[in-house]
Protein backbone atom coordinates (compact mmCIF):
# COMPACT_ATOMS: atom_id res chain seq x y z
CA MET A 1 -28.32 -66.89 -18.69
CA GLY A 2 -26.14 -66.64 -21.78
CA LYS A 3 -27.69 -69.67 -23.21
CA ASP A 4 -31.29 -68.10 -22.61
CA ILE A 5 -30.32 -65.04 -24.25
CA SER A 6 -28.85 -67.11 -27.31
CA PHE A 7 -31.95 -69.08 -27.37
CA ARG A 8 -34.29 -65.76 -27.52
CA LEU A 9 -32.01 -64.24 -30.19
CA LEU A 10 -32.11 -67.57 -32.07
CA ARG A 11 -35.83 -67.51 -31.89
CA TRP A 12 -36.35 -64.17 -32.88
CA CYS A 13 -34.16 -64.47 -35.76
CA GLY A 14 -36.13 -67.49 -36.94
CA LEU A 15 -39.44 -65.81 -36.49
CA ALA A 16 -38.28 -62.72 -38.34
CA ALA A 17 -36.90 -65.05 -41.27
CA LEU A 18 -40.38 -66.85 -41.22
CA VAL A 19 -42.35 -63.69 -41.72
CA LEU A 20 -40.33 -62.29 -44.29
CA GLY A 21 -40.39 -65.56 -46.08
CA LEU A 22 -44.38 -65.42 -45.90
CA TRP A 23 -44.26 -62.03 -47.01
CA ALA A 24 -42.05 -62.71 -50.21
CA GLY A 25 -44.01 -65.65 -50.90
CA ILE A 26 -47.36 -63.52 -50.90
CA MET A 27 -45.89 -60.87 -52.99
CA LEU A 28 -44.72 -63.48 -55.67
CA ALA A 29 -48.14 -65.15 -55.72
CA MET A 30 -50.31 -62.33 -55.74
CA PRO A 31 -50.04 -61.41 -59.46
CA PHE A 32 -51.34 -64.92 -60.20
CA VAL A 33 -54.10 -64.57 -58.31
CA GLY A 34 -57.22 -62.25 -58.13
CA PRO A 35 -59.05 -60.34 -60.93
CA GLN A 36 -57.48 -59.87 -64.23
CA GLY A 37 -56.32 -56.20 -64.72
CA ARG A 38 -54.43 -55.83 -61.81
CA GLN A 39 -51.14 -53.68 -61.49
CA VAL A 40 -47.85 -55.76 -61.70
CA ALA A 41 -44.42 -54.49 -60.96
CA VAL A 42 -41.45 -56.03 -63.35
CA VAL A 43 -38.34 -55.56 -61.20
CA GLY A 44 -35.12 -54.72 -63.02
CA ASP A 45 -33.93 -52.30 -65.84
CA ALA A 46 -36.52 -50.09 -66.85
CA ALA A 47 -35.68 -50.24 -70.55
CA GLN A 48 -35.72 -54.03 -70.35
CA ALA A 49 -38.79 -53.91 -68.41
CA VAL A 50 -40.68 -51.79 -70.82
CA ARG A 51 -39.67 -54.39 -73.69
CA VAL A 52 -40.67 -57.02 -71.81
CA ILE A 53 -44.25 -55.36 -71.01
CA ALA A 54 -44.56 -54.50 -74.87
CA ALA A 55 -43.73 -58.16 -75.53
CA ALA A 56 -46.16 -59.81 -73.02
CA GLY A 57 -48.95 -57.32 -74.42
CA GLY A 58 -49.43 -54.97 -71.76
CA ALA A 59 -49.05 -51.23 -70.93
CA VAL A 60 -46.74 -49.31 -68.89
CA VAL A 61 -48.30 -47.36 -66.17
CA GLU A 62 -45.20 -45.59 -64.47
CA VAL A 63 -41.56 -46.27 -64.37
CA ARG A 64 -40.05 -46.31 -60.94
CA ARG A 65 -36.48 -46.72 -59.75
CA GLY A 66 -35.87 -50.39 -59.84
CA ALA A 67 -39.25 -51.46 -61.23
CA THR A 68 -42.01 -50.56 -63.82
CA LEU A 69 -45.47 -50.60 -62.86
CA ALA A 70 -47.83 -52.52 -65.85
CA ILE A 71 -51.16 -53.51 -66.53
CA SER A 72 -53.17 -55.80 -68.94
CA SER A 73 -56.41 -57.17 -69.20
CA ASP A 74 -55.02 -60.67 -70.13
CA PRO A 75 -55.62 -63.14 -67.19
CA ASP A 76 -52.18 -64.88 -68.20
CA PHE A 77 -50.56 -61.57 -68.22
CA PRO A 78 -47.69 -62.50 -65.23
CA GLN A 79 -46.99 -65.69 -66.96
CA ARG A 80 -46.51 -63.90 -70.35
CA LEU A 81 -44.13 -61.57 -68.60
CA TYR A 82 -41.93 -64.45 -67.65
CA ALA A 83 -42.14 -65.98 -70.85
CA ALA A 84 -40.92 -62.42 -72.48
CA GLY A 85 -37.79 -62.41 -69.94
CA ALA A 86 -38.97 -60.53 -66.97
CA PRO A 87 -36.64 -61.24 -64.09
CA LEU A 88 -39.01 -60.92 -61.40
CA VAL A 89 -42.89 -59.97 -61.46
CA LEU A 90 -44.59 -58.73 -58.10
CA GLU A 91 -47.94 -57.39 -56.97
CA GLY A 92 -47.90 -53.76 -58.38
CA ARG A 93 -49.90 -51.63 -55.79
CA VAL A 94 -48.06 -53.10 -52.88
CA ALA A 95 -44.70 -53.17 -54.54
CA ALA A 96 -44.89 -49.66 -55.66
CA GLY A 97 -44.56 -48.40 -52.33
CA CYS A 98 -41.19 -50.40 -52.13
CA PHE A 99 -39.84 -48.41 -55.17
CA PRO A 100 -39.10 -44.57 -55.09
CA ARG A 101 -40.47 -42.54 -58.29
CA ALA A 102 -37.79 -42.25 -60.97
CA SER A 103 -36.95 -38.53 -61.07
CA THR A 104 -37.92 -36.64 -64.29
CA SER A 105 -35.59 -33.77 -63.79
CA GLY A 106 -31.94 -33.70 -64.92
CA ALA A 107 -30.91 -32.68 -61.32
């Protein structure tokens, strides 16, 4: 009976890792596919992300804690972000829900 539980736990962990890996792969690939002008999220320090977005020819849409949303009509915008030094670029609309809004008050 102990082996059966171990096998089920190992199988469940493997399936969970597979699903998370597929989700991460989709999030990483989405900025490169689809219509131009889609929002992307540049993950990392906000000040650095704003500089990278400007260098890549994009516009800042919103700064969130941990990511900055950007947009550009350039179809090569995700590649330009990486070339300008972005550490990670994700699909913006989906990623926006993963990063809380940056507080605007001093509190």
